[in-house]
Protein backbone atom coordinates (compact mmCIF):
# COMPACT_ATOMS: atom_id res chain seq x y z
CA MET A 1 71.32 160.84 197.31
CA ARG A 2 69.53 164.16 197.67
CA TYR A 3 66.43 164.48 195.57
CA SER A 4 67.01 167.62 193.53
CA ARG A 5 64.42 169.12 191.21
CA SER A 6 67.07 171.11 189.37
CA ALA A 7 69.18 167.96 188.91
CA VAL A 8 66.21 166.12 187.39
CA SER A 9 65.64 169.01 185.01
CA ARG A 10 69.29 169.16 183.97
CA SER A 11 69.35 165.40 183.41
CA ALA A 12 66.25 165.66 181.24
CA ILE A 13 67.90 168.35 179.09
CA GLY A 14 70.88 166.04 178.69
CA VAL A 15 68.55 163.30 177.41
CA TYR A 16 66.95 165.68 174.88
CA LEU A 17 70.33 166.78 173.54
CA ALA A 18 71.68 163.23 173.34
CA LEU A 19 68.57 162.00 171.53
CA ALA A 20 68.85 164.89 169.07
CA ALA A 21 72.50 164.01 168.42
CA GLN A 22 71.62 160.36 167.94
CA ILE A 23 68.89 161.13 165.39
CA ALA A 24 71.09 163.67 163.58
CA THR A 25 73.95 161.21 163.17
CA LEU A 26 71.61 158.37 162.22
CA THR A 27 69.99 160.61 159.60
CA CYS A 28 73.41 161.36 158.10
CA LEU A 29 74.19 157.64 157.99
CA VAL A 30 70.89 156.80 156.27
CA VAL A 31 71.37 159.62 153.75
CA PHE A 32 74.86 158.29 152.99
CA GLU A 33 73.47 154.77 152.66
CA GLU A 34 70.79 155.91 150.23
CA ALA A 35 73.12 158.10 148.15
CA ARG A 36 76.30 156.03 148.10
CA GLY A 37 75.84 152.88 150.16
CA LYS A 38 74.67 150.38 147.58
CA LEU A 39 77.34 151.32 145.04
CA LEU A 40 80.03 151.35 147.72
CA ALA A 41 78.92 147.96 149.02
CA ARG A 42 79.22 146.48 145.54
CA GLN A 43 82.65 148.03 145.06
CA VAL A 44 83.89 146.73 148.41
CA ALA A 45 82.48 143.27 147.63
CA VAL A 46 84.36 143.22 144.32
CA LEU A 47 87.62 144.43 145.87
CA GLY A 48 87.38 142.00 148.76
CA SER A 49 90.08 142.35 151.41
CA ASN A 50 92.84 143.35 149.01
CA PRO A 51 93.72 147.04 149.60
CA HIS A 52 95.97 147.02 146.53
CA ALA A 53 93.36 145.75 144.09
CA PRO A 54 92.66 147.95 141.04
CA GLY A 55 90.15 150.64 141.98
CA ALA A 56 90.77 150.37 145.71
CA GLU A 57 92.02 153.93 145.99
CA ALA A 58 88.83 155.25 144.42
CA VAL A 59 86.71 154.05 147.35
CA VAL A 60 89.05 155.02 150.20
CA GLY A 61 87.38 158.39 150.73
CA ALA A 62 83.84 156.96 150.78
CA VAL A 63 84.87 154.15 153.13
CA THR A 64 86.47 156.69 155.46
CA TRP A 65 83.30 158.78 155.56
CA PHE A 66 81.26 155.65 156.23
CA ALA A 67 83.54 154.67 159.11
CA VAL A 68 83.30 158.17 160.60
CA LEU A 69 79.49 158.11 160.40
CA ILE A 70 79.35 154.70 162.06
CA LEU A 71 81.60 155.96 164.85
CA LEU A 72 79.46 159.07 165.34
CA VAL A 73 76.25 157.04 165.50
CA ALA A 74 77.83 154.68 168.02
CA CYS A 75 79.10 157.53 170.21
CA ALA A 76 75.74 159.33 170.07
CA THR A 77 73.91 156.13 170.97
CA VAL A 78 76.18 155.49 173.96
CA ALA A 79 75.75 159.12 175.06
CA ALA A 80 71.96 158.80 174.77
CA GLY A 81 71.98 155.64 176.87
CA CYS A 82 74.23 157.14 179.54
CA SER A 83 72.21 160.35 179.74
CA TYR A 84 68.96 158.38 179.99
CA PHE A 85 70.26 156.19 182.80
CA ALA A 86 71.55 159.32 184.58
CA TRP A 87 68.08 160.84 184.27
CA LEU A 88 66.45 157.69 185.65
CA ARG A 89 68.79 157.91 188.63
CA GLN A 90 67.95 161.55 189.27
CA ALA A 91 64.25 160.80 188.84
CA GLY A 92 64.36 158.30 191.68
CA ALA A 93 65.34 154.89 190.35
CA THR A 94 68.11 153.01 192.13
CA PRO A 95 71.10 151.65 190.16
CA ARG A 96 69.95 148.11 190.88
CA MET A 97 66.47 148.80 189.52
CA ILE A 98 67.93 150.33 186.36
CA ALA A 99 70.30 147.40 185.83
CA ILE A 100 67.59 144.77 186.31
CA ALA A 101 65.03 146.59 184.19
CA TRP A 102 67.33 147.19 181.22
CA PHE A 103 69.86 144.37 181.22
CA VAL A 104 68.11 141.21 182.42
CA PRO A 105 67.03 139.22 179.34
CA VAL A 106 63.29 138.76 178.83
CA LEU A 107 62.54 141.19 181.66
CA ASN A 108 63.94 144.01 179.55
CA LEU A 109 61.16 143.48 177.01
CA ALA A 110 58.78 145.27 179.38
CA ALA A 111 60.54 146.28 182.61
CA PRO A 112 62.00 149.62 181.36
CA ALA A 113 58.52 150.91 180.55
CA LEU A 114 57.21 149.66 183.91
CA LEU A 115 60.05 151.44 185.68
CA VAL A 116 59.20 154.76 184.00
CA HIS A 117 55.54 154.21 184.89
CA ALA A 118 56.49 153.56 188.51
CA LEU A 119 58.43 156.83 188.60
CA ARG A 120 55.45 158.68 187.15
CA GLU A 121 53.04 157.15 189.65
CA ASP A 122 55.38 157.93 192.54
CA ALA A 123 55.14 161.62 191.63
CA GLY A 124 51.35 161.43 191.70
CA LEU A 125 49.25 160.44 188.70
CA ARG A 126 45.69 161.78 188.63
CA GLU A 127 43.06 159.38 187.32
CA GLY A 128 42.16 161.84 184.57
CA ARG A 129 45.73 161.77 183.26
CA ARG A 130 46.24 158.03 183.54
CA ARG A 131 44.81 157.04 180.16
CA ALA A 132 46.80 159.65 178.21
CA TRP A 133 49.99 158.76 180.09
CA LEU A 134 49.58 155.02 179.50
CA ALA A 135 48.93 155.66 175.80
CA LEU A 136 52.11 157.74 175.55
CA LEU A 137 54.13 155.15 177.45
CA ALA A 138 52.81 152.28 175.33
CA ALA A 139 53.47 154.17 172.09
CA TRP A 140 57.05 154.94 173.13
CA TRP A 141 57.85 151.39 174.13
CA ALA A 142 56.19 149.91 171.03
CA CYS A 143 58.28 152.22 168.82
CA TRP A 144 61.43 151.35 170.75
CA LEU A 145 60.86 147.59 170.33
CA ALA A 146 59.97 148.08 166.66
CA MET A 147 63.16 150.08 166.09
CA VAL A 148 65.34 147.42 167.73
CA PHE A 149 63.59 144.69 165.75
CA LEU A 150 63.97 146.50 162.42
CA ILE A 151 67.64 147.24 163.02
CA LEU A 152 68.40 143.66 164.03
CA ILE A 153 66.70 142.09 161.02
CA ARG A 154 68.25 144.60 158.61
CA LEU A 155 71.84 144.34 159.80
CA PRO A 156 74.09 142.65 157.23
CA VAL A 157 75.24 140.11 159.82
CA THR A 158 71.67 138.84 160.18
CA HIS A 159 70.47 138.73 156.57
CA SER A 160 73.82 138.57 154.74
CA PRO A 161 73.14 141.04 151.90
CA GLN A 162 76.82 141.21 150.91
CA GLY A 163 77.29 143.55 147.99
CA LYS A 164 73.79 145.06 148.29
CA ASP A 165 74.12 147.63 151.06
CA LEU A 166 76.32 148.62 153.97
CA THR A 167 74.18 148.72 157.09
CA GLY A 168 70.72 147.66 155.97
CA LEU A 169 69.32 150.88 157.43
CA GLY A 170 66.92 152.94 155.37
CA PRO A 171 64.14 155.54 155.59
CA SER A 172 61.71 153.18 157.33
CA GLU A 173 64.17 152.46 160.14
CA LEU A 174 64.93 156.17 160.43
CA VAL A 175 61.24 157.08 160.72
CA VAL A 176 60.71 154.56 163.51
CA ALA A 177 63.86 155.77 165.27
CA VAL A 178 62.68 159.39 165.10
CA LEU A 179 59.27 158.44 166.50
CA ALA A 180 60.91 156.43 169.31
CA ALA A 181 63.18 159.36 170.18
CA LEU A 182 60.33 161.89 170.18
CA LEU A 183 58.11 159.67 172.31
CA CYS A 184 61.00 158.93 174.67
CA ALA A 185 61.58 162.67 175.09
CA ALA A 186 57.87 163.12 175.75
CA THR A 187 57.88 160.50 178.54
CA VAL A 188 60.99 162.06 180.05
CA ARG A 189 59.34 165.47 179.99
CA GLU A 190 56.15 164.11 181.57
CA VAL A 191 57.96 162.38 184.42
CA THR A 192 60.35 165.31 184.95
CA GLU A 193 57.57 167.89 185.20
CA ALA A 194 55.56 165.64 187.50
CA ARG A 195 58.47 165.10 189.85
CA MET A 196 59.33 168.81 189.87
CA THR A 197 55.82 169.87 190.83
CA ALA A 198 54.87 167.06 193.21
CA ARG A 199 56.42 165.72 196.37
CA PRO A 200 57.59 162.13 195.84
CA SER A 201 56.50 159.47 198.31
CA GLY A 202 60.03 159.10 199.69
CA ILE A 203 60.18 155.43 198.70
CA ALA A 204 61.92 154.19 195.59
CA PRO A 205 59.24 153.05 193.11
CA ARG A 206 59.02 149.30 192.65
CA LEU A 207 58.03 147.33 189.60
CA LYS A 208 55.26 145.52 191.41
CA LEU A 209 54.32 143.42 188.40
CA LEU A 210 57.76 141.78 188.34
CA PRO A 211 58.37 139.34 191.18
CA ALA A 212 62.10 139.52 190.59
CA LEU A 213 62.07 143.16 191.69
CA ARG A 214 59.92 142.85 194.78
CA SER A 215 62.92 142.42 197.04
CA LEU A 216 64.61 145.64 195.93
CA PRO A 217 65.77 147.76 198.90
CA ARG A 218 63.91 150.91 199.76
CA HIS A 219 65.65 154.21 199.09
CA THR A 220 64.75 157.47 200.80
CA TYR A 221 64.82 160.90 199.23
CA PRO A 222 65.82 163.66 201.68
CA ALA A 223 64.24 167.03 201.24
CA GLY A 224 65.00 168.71 197.91
CA ASP A 225 66.76 171.98 197.18
């Protein structure tokens, strides 16, 4: 695939827009949860699965809005993931590297951050910038892991708060999600600008700290636009 500086830039813009959409929809869901969620959860718990129970019609509108918000958050999250993987591809990662880094259990607790670091180093990382870059990278990944952890422990299916709330998401989860999105955008911007202003090595970056990735095939980048 031809290494294209303009393609990397366009992919980065796609990531920014998708992250913004994800945070916007998540914010709407949290606002709904705070304003109406607890009452609606109690009403649904009382009604059970009987759509003809007394009072069922009164909650149809709220349940519909909740379902729409959940769908929007899901779509925005999928779009954010797809746009991010597309950006990684344009930035120089191979599909195999992306798949291993993000979808292999245990490895995906650290490999995605190492992959982004490898892309940044491949574009040339001055020693004076290394500390600031590593701090940014570590902050992003810590926020990402914290967000995933908070969402998992707050989901109703994990702590069974039937009748108390709908999703378990609140302001604290939203704050962490916003920080993770902002820091993710910052790492994308850093890598994108570095790869647009520097000539890559011509070899696909490897995650040298992960033995499972040492056998990844090399991938050349022909001259850019």
